[in-house]
Amino acid sequence: MENSALGTLGKRVVAWIVIAAVAILAVKLLIGAVAGFVTMILTLALIVAAVMALLWALRRL
C-alpha cells in the first residue's frame, strides 16, 4: 500500500513538472511573439521615416 501511495505521489510530481515546463515554454513563446511584433512595428516606422526623408531630400534639390 505504501508503494502505491508513493507511486501516485511520484506521478503527481511528474505531472506538475510537465505542467510547469509547458507554462514556461508558453510564456517564452508569448514574449518572443510580442518582441517580434514590436520589432516589426519599429522596423516599419524606420522604413516610413527613411522614405519620408528621401522624399524631403528630393524636393530640396
N, C-alpha and C. Protein backbone atom coordinates (compact mmCIF):
# COMPACT_ATOMS: atom_id res chain seq x y z
N MET A 1 0.82 -1.19 0.00
CA MET A 1 0.00 0.00 0.00
C MET A 1 0.87 1.27 0.00
N GLU A 2 1.98 1.19 0.73
CA GLU A 2 2.85 2.35 0.78
C GLU A 2 3.48 2.63 -0.58
N ASN A 3 3.83 1.59 -1.32
CA ASN A 3 4.38 1.77 -2.67
C ASN A 3 3.37 2.42 -3.59
N SER A 4 2.12 2.06 -3.46
CA SER A 4 1.08 2.64 -4.31
C SER A 4 0.94 4.14 -4.04
N ALA A 5 0.99 4.52 -2.77
CA ALA A 5 0.89 5.94 -2.42
C ALA A 5 2.10 6.70 -2.94
N LEU A 6 3.27 6.07 -2.80
CA LEU A 6 4.49 6.71 -3.29
C LEU A 6 4.46 6.83 -4.81
N GLY A 7 3.96 5.82 -5.48
CA GLY A 7 3.85 5.86 -6.94
C GLY A 7 2.90 6.95 -7.39
N THR A 8 1.79 7.09 -6.68
CA THR A 8 0.82 8.14 -7.01
C THR A 8 1.43 9.51 -6.78
N LEU A 9 2.17 9.66 -5.68
CA LEU A 9 2.83 10.93 -5.39
C LEU A 9 3.86 11.25 -6.48
N GLY A 10 4.61 10.24 -6.89
CA GLY A 10 5.60 10.44 -7.95
C GLY A 10 4.96 10.87 -9.25
N LYS A 11 3.83 10.25 -9.59
CA LYS A 11 3.13 10.63 -10.81
C LYS A 11 2.62 12.06 -10.74
N ARG A 12 2.16 12.46 -9.56
CA ARG A 12 1.68 13.83 -9.40
C ARG A 12 2.82 14.83 -9.53
N VAL A 13 3.97 14.48 -8.96
CA VAL A 13 5.14 15.37 -9.05
C VAL A 13 5.57 15.52 -10.51
N VAL A 14 5.62 14.40 -11.23
CA VAL A 14 5.99 14.45 -12.64
C VAL A 14 4.97 15.28 -13.42
N ALA A 15 3.69 15.10 -13.12
CA ALA A 15 2.65 15.87 -13.80
C ALA A 15 2.83 17.37 -13.56
N TRP A 16 3.12 17.76 -12.33
CA TRP A 16 3.33 19.18 -12.03
C TRP A 16 4.57 19.72 -12.72
N ILE A 17 5.62 18.90 -12.82
CA ILE A 17 6.83 19.32 -13.53
C ILE A 17 6.53 19.55 -15.01
N VAL A 18 5.75 18.65 -15.60
CA VAL A 18 5.37 18.80 -17.01
C VAL A 18 4.53 20.06 -17.20
N ILE A 19 3.57 20.29 -16.31
CA ILE A 19 2.73 21.49 -16.39
C ILE A 19 3.58 22.75 -16.28
N ALA A 20 4.54 22.76 -15.34
CA ALA A 20 5.41 23.92 -15.17
C ALA A 20 6.26 24.14 -16.42
N ALA A 21 6.79 23.07 -17.01
CA ALA A 21 7.61 23.20 -18.21
C ALA A 21 6.80 23.75 -19.38
N VAL A 22 5.58 23.26 -19.54
CA VAL A 22 4.72 23.76 -20.62
C VAL A 22 4.37 25.23 -20.39
N ALA A 23 4.10 25.60 -19.14
CA ALA A 23 3.79 27.00 -18.84
C ALA A 23 4.98 27.91 -19.15
N ILE A 24 6.17 27.47 -18.80
CA ILE A 24 7.37 28.26 -19.07
C ILE A 24 7.57 28.42 -20.58
N LEU A 25 7.39 27.34 -21.33
CA LEU A 25 7.52 27.42 -22.78
C LEU A 25 6.48 28.35 -23.39
N ALA A 26 5.25 28.30 -22.87
CA ALA A 26 4.19 29.17 -23.38
C ALA A 26 4.52 30.64 -23.12
N VAL A 27 5.04 30.93 -21.94
CA VAL A 27 5.41 32.32 -21.61
C VAL A 27 6.54 32.78 -22.51
N LYS A 28 7.54 31.92 -22.73
CA LYS A 28 8.65 32.29 -23.61
C LYS A 28 8.15 32.54 -25.03
N LEU A 29 7.24 31.71 -25.50
CA LEU A 29 6.68 31.89 -26.83
C LEU A 29 5.92 33.20 -26.93
N LEU A 30 5.15 33.51 -25.91
CA LEU A 30 4.38 34.76 -25.89
C LEU A 30 5.31 35.97 -25.89
N ILE A 31 6.35 35.92 -25.07
CA ILE A 31 7.31 37.03 -25.01
C ILE A 31 8.01 37.18 -26.35
N GLY A 32 8.38 36.07 -26.97
CA GLY A 32 9.02 36.12 -28.28
C GLY A 32 8.10 36.71 -29.34
N ALA A 33 6.83 36.35 -29.29
CA ALA A 33 5.87 36.88 -30.26
C ALA A 33 5.69 38.38 -30.08
N VAL A 34 5.59 38.82 -28.84
CA VAL A 34 5.43 40.26 -28.56
C VAL A 34 6.68 41.01 -29.00
N ALA A 35 7.85 40.46 -28.68
CA ALA A 35 9.10 41.12 -29.08
C ALA A 35 9.21 41.19 -30.60
N GLY A 36 8.81 40.14 -31.28
CA GLY A 36 8.84 40.14 -32.74
C GLY A 36 7.89 41.17 -33.32
N PHE A 37 6.71 41.29 -32.73
CA PHE A 37 5.73 42.27 -33.19
C PHE A 37 6.25 43.69 -32.99
N VAL A 38 6.83 43.96 -31.83
CA VAL A 38 7.37 45.29 -31.55
C VAL A 38 8.51 45.60 -32.53
N THR A 39 9.37 44.62 -32.78
CA THR A 39 10.47 44.81 -33.73
C THR A 39 9.93 45.12 -35.12
N MET A 40 8.88 44.41 -35.53
CA MET A 40 8.28 44.64 -36.84
C MET A 40 7.73 46.06 -36.94
N ILE A 41 7.02 46.51 -35.90
CA ILE A 41 6.44 47.86 -35.91
C ILE A 41 7.54 48.91 -35.97
N LEU A 42 8.60 48.74 -35.18
CA LEU A 42 9.70 49.70 -35.21
C LEU A 42 10.41 49.71 -36.56
N THR A 43 10.58 48.55 -37.16
CA THR A 43 11.20 48.47 -38.48
C THR A 43 10.35 49.18 -39.52
N LEU A 44 9.04 48.95 -39.49
CA LEU A 44 8.15 49.65 -40.43
C LEU A 44 8.20 51.16 -40.22
N ALA A 45 8.25 51.59 -38.96
CA ALA A 45 8.33 53.02 -38.68
C ALA A 45 9.63 53.61 -39.24
N LEU A 46 10.73 52.87 -39.11
CA LEU A 46 12.00 53.36 -39.65
C LEU A 46 11.97 53.41 -41.17
N ILE A 47 11.34 52.43 -41.81
CA ILE A 47 11.23 52.44 -43.27
C ILE A 47 10.40 53.64 -43.72
N VAL A 48 9.30 53.90 -43.05
CA VAL A 48 8.45 55.05 -43.40
C VAL A 48 9.23 56.35 -43.21
N ALA A 49 9.98 56.45 -42.11
CA ALA A 49 10.77 57.66 -41.86
C ALA A 49 11.84 57.83 -42.93
N ALA A 50 12.47 56.74 -43.36
CA ALA A 50 13.50 56.82 -44.39
C ALA A 50 12.90 57.26 -45.73
N VAL A 51 11.73 56.75 -46.07
CA VAL A 51 11.07 57.15 -47.32
C VAL A 51 10.69 58.62 -47.25
N MET A 52 10.17 59.06 -46.11
CA MET A 52 9.80 60.47 -45.97
C MET A 52 11.04 61.36 -46.06
N ALA A 53 12.14 60.93 -45.47
CA ALA A 53 13.38 61.70 -45.55
C ALA A 53 13.89 61.76 -46.99
N LEU A 54 13.77 60.66 -47.71
CA LEU A 54 14.18 60.64 -49.11
C LEU A 54 13.33 61.59 -49.95
N LEU A 55 12.02 61.57 -49.74
CA LEU A 55 11.14 62.48 -50.48
C LEU A 55 11.44 63.93 -50.13
N TRP A 56 11.70 64.21 -48.88
CA TRP A 56 12.04 65.57 -48.46
C TRP A 56 13.33 66.02 -49.14
N ALA A 57 14.33 65.13 -49.16
CA ALA A 57 15.62 65.47 -49.76
C ALA A 57 15.47 65.70 -51.27
N LEU A 58 14.66 64.88 -51.93
CA LEU A 58 14.47 65.05 -53.37
C LEU A 58 13.76 66.36 -53.70
N ARG A 59 12.85 66.79 -52.84
CA ARG A 59 12.15 68.06 -53.07
C ARG A 59 13.09 69.25 -52.90
N ARG A 60 14.10 69.10 -52.06
CA ARG A 60 15.04 70.20 -51.79
C ARG A 60 16.08 70.36 -52.89
N LEU A 61 16.18 69.40 -53.79
CA LEU A 61 17.20 69.50 -54.85
C LEU A 61 16.85 70.57 -55.85
